Amino acid sequence: MVGSPPPGILTASGFLYPFRGFRFLVRHPRLLGHIAIPIAINAAVYGAFAWFVGTNLGGWLEGLVPRGEAWFWAVLFYALATVAVGALLMLSIYTFTVVGNLILSPFNGFLSEAVERTYAGHALDAPFSLPAVAQDAARSVRAEVGRLGLYVTGFLLLLTLYLVPPPLGPAAHGVGLTAFTLFFLGWEYLDYSMERAQFTFSQKRRAALRNAGSFLGFGAGAALMLLIPLMQLVAIPVCVAGATLLFVDLRQAGRLPGGPQAPG
């Protein structure tokens, strides 16, 4: 297996892993065939999504940030608008990722498996059988429903921050929503490897909470990549590759359910 960072770095942040995913794909050209079709599809999805967000961002901002007639309200508006724009961008990036990953899911799954085989020298495969496929499908649906429930619950709880008078309430909501969304963005990409490892929802939740810094850091790196012009076209498959590298390193460090597993 390729040498991995020490556990301390993994627990602190996974920020660099999306960029490690890009470097890994460049260094293994035979993997590039897995991303040609996803890039073409992603370009169309990103163009449509960028148009939608661009035409609606102003209206969303007006609805989120309080305004008044006095001069200090104008200053407050622009200060809170900066926080709100950041939060809305992160939320938009997460939504784009969910939609893009849903469309590209079969391609992303194959890419993640190919990256793991190359990086770790093995992948967690199980023999094919119809009962096993049905069982995996049921487990996957339960896990997705559980994750969606967590996200909606957290999103609604963050809305209660608007009960706090401005500027503290809106500012705290913007910061909290950004961090919360980045955490789930990291989870979205790492889910391919966790699903292939047949993690239950409970195991995924434990893995995410135990490695919250890595998940949030990875989400921040992925969000930054999605903000870089032209990188948006390759960001989803590159982040899938980076998340697979992070998953393998976390598993080798013993920070995932089941403990460390040696290549075999």
Protein backbone atom coordinates (compact mmCIF):
# COMPACT_ATOMS: atom_id res chain seq x y z
CA MET A 1 0.00 0.00 0.00
CA VAL A 2 1.08 3.58 -0.67
CA GLY A 3 2.40 5.23 2.50
CA SER A 4 -0.35 7.02 4.42
CA PRO A 5 -0.21 10.02 6.78
CA PRO A 6 0.07 9.37 10.52
CA PRO A 7 -3.23 9.00 12.45
CA GLY A 8 -2.83 12.43 14.09
CA ILE A 9 -3.09 14.15 10.71
CA LEU A 10 -6.12 12.07 9.79
CA THR A 11 -8.00 13.03 12.93
CA ALA A 12 -7.15 16.71 12.50
CA SER A 13 -8.32 17.22 8.92
CA GLY A 14 -8.91 15.56 5.58
CA PHE A 15 -8.64 18.89 3.75
CA LEU A 16 -5.83 17.83 1.39
CA TYR A 17 -7.39 14.54 0.32
CA PRO A 18 -9.45 15.92 -2.59
CA PHE A 19 -6.20 17.28 -4.01
CA ARG A 20 -4.44 14.00 -3.25
CA GLY A 21 -7.20 12.35 -5.28
CA PHE A 22 -6.35 14.56 -8.26
CA ARG A 23 -2.64 13.73 -7.96
CA PHE A 24 -3.41 10.01 -7.56
CA LEU A 25 -5.45 9.92 -10.78
CA VAL A 26 -2.75 11.79 -12.70
CA ARG A 27 -0.13 9.31 -11.46
CA HIS A 28 -2.27 6.32 -12.49
CA PRO A 29 -3.39 7.09 -16.07
CA ARG A 30 -5.16 3.74 -16.44
CA LEU A 31 -7.78 5.05 -13.99
CA LEU A 32 -8.59 8.05 -16.17
CA GLY A 33 -10.88 5.95 -18.34
CA HIS A 34 -13.25 5.77 -15.36
CA ILE A 35 -13.79 9.54 -15.36
CA ALA A 36 -14.27 10.45 -19.05
CA ILE A 37 -18.06 9.94 -19.14
CA PRO A 38 -18.62 11.40 -15.63
CA ILE A 39 -16.78 14.58 -16.65
CA ALA A 40 -19.04 15.04 -19.69
CA ILE A 41 -22.20 14.47 -17.63
CA ASN A 42 -20.89 16.64 -14.80
CA ALA A 43 -20.28 19.56 -17.19
CA ALA A 44 -23.95 19.58 -18.20
CA VAL A 45 -25.20 19.21 -14.62
CA TYR A 46 -22.87 21.92 -13.32
CA GLY A 47 -23.88 24.37 -16.06
CA ALA A 48 -27.58 23.95 -15.27
CA PHE A 49 -26.97 24.16 -11.53
CA ALA A 50 -24.76 27.26 -11.76
CA TRP A 51 -27.47 29.01 -13.78
CA PHE A 52 -30.15 28.08 -11.21
CA VAL A 53 -28.11 29.28 -8.22
CA GLY A 54 -27.01 32.46 -9.99
CA THR A 55 -30.58 33.48 -10.78
CA ASN A 56 -31.89 32.75 -7.25
CA LEU A 57 -29.03 33.71 -4.93
CA GLY A 58 -30.16 37.34 -4.58
CA GLY A 59 -33.69 36.35 -3.57
CA TRP A 60 -32.42 33.80 -1.05
CA LEU A 61 -30.12 36.40 0.46
CA GLU A 62 -32.91 38.95 0.85
CA GLY A 63 -35.00 36.37 2.69
CA LEU A 64 -32.24 35.35 5.09
CA VAL A 65 -30.63 38.63 6.13
CA PRO A 66 -32.61 41.32 8.03
CA ARG A 67 -32.68 44.89 6.68
CA GLY A 68 -33.68 48.30 7.98
CA GLU A 69 -33.68 51.94 6.93
CA ALA A 70 -30.98 53.30 9.28
CA TRP A 71 -27.34 53.46 8.14
CA PHE A 72 -26.19 50.88 10.68
CA TRP A 73 -28.65 48.40 9.22
CA ALA A 74 -26.92 48.80 5.86
CA VAL A 75 -23.55 48.03 7.46
CA LEU A 76 -25.06 45.08 9.31
CA PHE A 77 -26.72 43.84 6.13
CA TYR A 78 -23.46 43.66 4.20
CA ALA A 79 -21.63 42.03 7.12
CA LEU A 80 -24.29 39.35 7.54
CA ALA A 81 -24.64 39.02 3.77
CA THR A 82 -21.01 37.90 3.58
CA VAL A 83 -21.70 35.12 6.08
CA ALA A 84 -25.00 34.22 4.40
CA VAL A 85 -23.43 34.04 0.92
CA GLY A 86 -20.79 31.63 2.26
CA ALA A 87 -23.43 29.46 3.89
CA LEU A 88 -25.63 29.49 0.78
CA LEU A 89 -22.69 28.62 -1.44
CA MET A 90 -21.78 25.66 0.78
CA LEU A 91 -25.40 24.51 0.81
CA SER A 92 -25.58 24.88 -2.98
CA ILE A 93 -22.33 22.94 -3.42
CA TYR A 94 -23.65 20.16 -1.19
CA THR A 95 -26.92 20.02 -3.13
CA PHE A 96 -25.01 19.95 -6.43
CA THR A 97 -22.84 17.14 -5.09
CA VAL A 98 -25.86 15.09 -3.98
CA VAL A 99 -27.56 15.55 -7.37
CA GLY A 100 -24.32 14.92 -9.28
CA ASN A 101 -23.45 11.83 -7.25
CA LEU A 102 -26.96 10.48 -7.70
CA ILE A 103 -26.62 10.76 -11.48
CA LEU A 104 -23.02 9.52 -11.54
CA SER A 105 -23.42 6.90 -8.81
CA PRO A 106 -22.62 3.83 -10.99
CA PHE A 107 -19.50 5.49 -12.42
CA ASN A 108 -18.39 6.75 -9.01
CA GLY A 109 -18.79 3.31 -7.48
CA PHE A 110 -16.57 1.69 -10.11
CA LEU A 111 -14.00 4.49 -9.77
CA SER A 112 -13.88 4.18 -5.99
CA GLU A 113 -13.36 0.43 -6.21
CA ALA A 114 -10.62 0.83 -8.83
CA VAL A 115 -8.83 3.45 -6.70
CA GLU A 116 -8.99 1.21 -3.63
CA ARG A 117 -7.62 -1.76 -5.55
CA THR A 118 -4.73 0.34 -6.82
CA TYR A 119 -3.99 2.13 -3.53
CA ALA A 120 -4.52 -0.65 -1.01
CA GLY A 121 -3.91 -3.64 -3.23
CA HIS A 122 -7.38 -4.99 -2.56
CA ALA A 123 -11.04 -4.06 -2.31
CA LEU A 124 -13.75 -5.34 0.00
CA ASP A 125 -15.65 -7.62 -2.33
CA ALA A 126 -18.30 -10.19 -1.53
CA PRO A 127 -19.39 -13.10 -3.78
CA PHE A 128 -22.48 -12.36 -5.86
CA SER A 129 -25.82 -13.78 -4.78
CA LEU A 130 -29.38 -12.52 -5.15
CA PRO A 131 -30.15 -12.69 -1.39
CA ALA A 132 -26.97 -10.74 -0.69
CA VAL A 133 -27.92 -8.10 -3.27
CA ALA A 134 -31.39 -7.72 -1.72
CA GLN A 135 -29.90 -7.50 1.76
CA ASP A 136 -27.37 -4.89 0.64
CA ALA A 137 -30.08 -2.85 -1.06
CA ALA A 138 -32.24 -2.84 2.08
CA ARG A 139 -29.24 -1.86 4.25
CA SER A 140 -28.29 0.89 1.82
CA VAL A 141 -31.82 2.35 1.82
CA ARG A 142 -31.95 2.31 5.63
CA ALA A 143 -28.57 4.05 5.78
CA GLU A 144 -29.65 6.74 3.30
CA VAL A 145 -32.89 7.37 5.18
CA GLY A 146 -30.95 7.60 8.44
CA ARG A 147 -28.43 10.04 6.98
CA LEU A 148 -31.19 12.16 5.46
CA GLY A 149 -32.96 12.19 8.82
CA LEU A 150 -29.79 13.41 10.54
CA TYR A 151 -29.28 16.14 7.97
CA VAL A 152 -32.87 17.41 8.12
CA THR A 153 -32.87 17.33 11.93
CA GLY A 154 -29.61 19.27 12.13
CA PHE A 155 -30.80 21.74 9.48
CA LEU A 156 -34.01 22.43 11.43
CA LEU A 157 -32.13 22.82 14.70
CA LEU A 158 -29.83 25.37 13.09
CA LEU A 159 -32.87 27.38 12.02
CA THR A 160 -33.68 27.97 15.70
CA LEU A 161 -30.61 30.22 15.84
CA TYR A 162 -32.78 32.82 14.10
CA LEU A 163 -34.64 33.12 17.40
CA VAL A 164 -31.51 34.88 18.67
CA PRO A 165 -31.66 38.61 17.82
CA PRO A 166 -29.37 39.86 15.02
CA PRO A 167 -26.52 40.07 14.39
CA LEU A 168 -25.67 37.06 16.61
CA GLY A 169 -28.48 34.77 15.41
CA PRO A 170 -27.97 35.10 11.63
CA ALA A 171 -24.16 35.08 12.02
CA ALA A 172 -24.22 31.93 14.19
CA HIS A 173 -26.63 30.29 11.74
CA GLY A 174 -24.36 31.08 8.79
CA VAL A 175 -21.25 29.71 10.47
CA GLY A 176 -23.09 26.65 11.84
CA LEU A 177 -24.76 25.86 8.53
CA THR A 178 -21.44 26.11 6.70
CA ALA A 179 -19.65 23.71 9.08
CA PHE A 180 -22.64 21.35 9.17
CA THR A 181 -22.88 21.24 5.37
CA LEU A 182 -19.15 20.68 4.92
CA PHE A 183 -19.29 17.75 7.34
CA PHE A 184 -22.09 16.10 5.35
CA LEU A 185 -20.32 16.91 2.10
CA GLY A 186 -17.37 14.85 3.34
CA TRP A 187 -19.75 12.07 4.39
CA GLU A 188 -21.33 12.11 0.91
CA TYR A 189 -18.02 11.25 -0.75
CA LEU A 190 -16.78 8.79 1.87
CA ASP A 191 -20.09 6.95 1.67
CA TYR A 192 -19.02 5.10 -1.49
CA SER A 193 -16.25 3.31 0.39
CA MET A 194 -18.35 2.80 3.54
CA GLU A 195 -21.14 1.33 1.43
CA ARG A 196 -18.74 -1.05 -0.32
CA ALA A 197 -17.46 -2.10 3.11
CA GLN A 198 -21.13 -2.87 3.96
CA PHE A 199 -21.30 -0.49 6.90
CA THR A 200 -24.72 -0.22 8.53
CA PHE A 201 -26.10 3.23 9.24
CA SER A 202 -24.99 2.90 12.86
CA GLN A 203 -21.44 2.10 11.75
CA LYS A 204 -21.43 4.99 9.27
CA ARG A 205 -22.62 7.37 11.97
CA ARG A 206 -19.94 6.19 14.40
CA ALA A 207 -17.28 6.51 11.70
CA ALA A 208 -18.44 10.03 10.81
CA LEU A 209 -18.62 11.26 14.42
CA ARG A 210 -15.34 9.68 15.46
CA ASN A 211 -13.60 11.23 12.46
CA ALA A 212 -15.61 14.47 12.35
CA GLY A 213 -12.46 16.54 11.75
CA SER A 214 -11.49 14.40 8.77
CA PHE A 215 -15.00 14.47 7.32
CA LEU A 216 -15.37 18.22 7.78
CA GLY A 217 -11.86 18.89 6.48
CA PHE A 218 -12.48 16.76 3.41
CA GLY A 219 -15.75 18.62 2.80
CA ALA A 220 -13.88 21.94 3.02
CA GLY A 221 -11.28 20.77 0.51
CA ALA A 222 -13.99 19.46 -1.82
CA ALA A 223 -15.92 22.75 -1.56
CA LEU A 224 -12.76 24.72 -2.38
CA MET A 225 -12.16 22.52 -5.40
CA LEU A 226 -15.73 23.12 -6.56
CA LEU A 227 -15.14 26.88 -6.36
CA ILE A 228 -12.03 26.77 -8.59
CA PRO A 229 -12.87 27.63 -12.24
CA LEU A 230 -12.74 24.59 -14.55
CA MET A 231 -12.02 22.26 -11.62
CA GLN A 232 -15.78 21.91 -11.18
CA LEU A 233 -15.81 19.74 -14.30
CA VAL A 234 -13.60 17.07 -12.73
CA ALA A 235 -14.28 17.74 -9.04
CA ILE A 236 -16.80 14.95 -8.38
CA PRO A 237 -14.69 12.00 -9.68
CA VAL A 238 -11.52 13.55 -8.22
CA CYS A 239 -13.20 13.87 -4.80
CA VAL A 240 -14.48 10.29 -5.03
CA ALA A 241 -10.86 9.19 -5.55
CA GLY A 242 -9.64 11.37 -2.66
CA ALA A 243 -12.35 10.10 -0.34
CA THR A 244 -11.37 6.52 -1.15
CA LEU A 245 -7.75 7.29 -0.21
CA LEU A 246 -8.94 8.84 3.07
CA PHE A 247 -11.15 5.84 3.82
CA VAL A 248 -8.28 3.39 3.28
CA ASP A 249 -5.96 5.49 5.50
CA LEU A 250 -8.58 5.76 8.25
CA ARG A 251 -9.14 2.01 8.10
CA GLN A 252 -5.41 1.31 8.28
CA ALA A 253 -5.16 3.67 11.26
CA GLY A 254 -7.88 1.68 13.07
CA ARG A 255 -10.30 4.61 13.15
CA LEU A 256 -13.22 2.83 11.46
CA PRO A 257 -15.60 0.11 12.71
CA GLY A 258 -13.89 -3.26 12.58
CA GLY A 259 -10.41 -1.85 13.26
CA PRO A 260 -7.43 -1.83 10.89
CA GLN A 261 -7.41 -4.26 8.00
CA ALA A 262 -4.28 -5.30 6.21
CA PRO A 263 -4.24 -5.58 2.46
CA GLY A 264 -4.82 -9.05 1.22
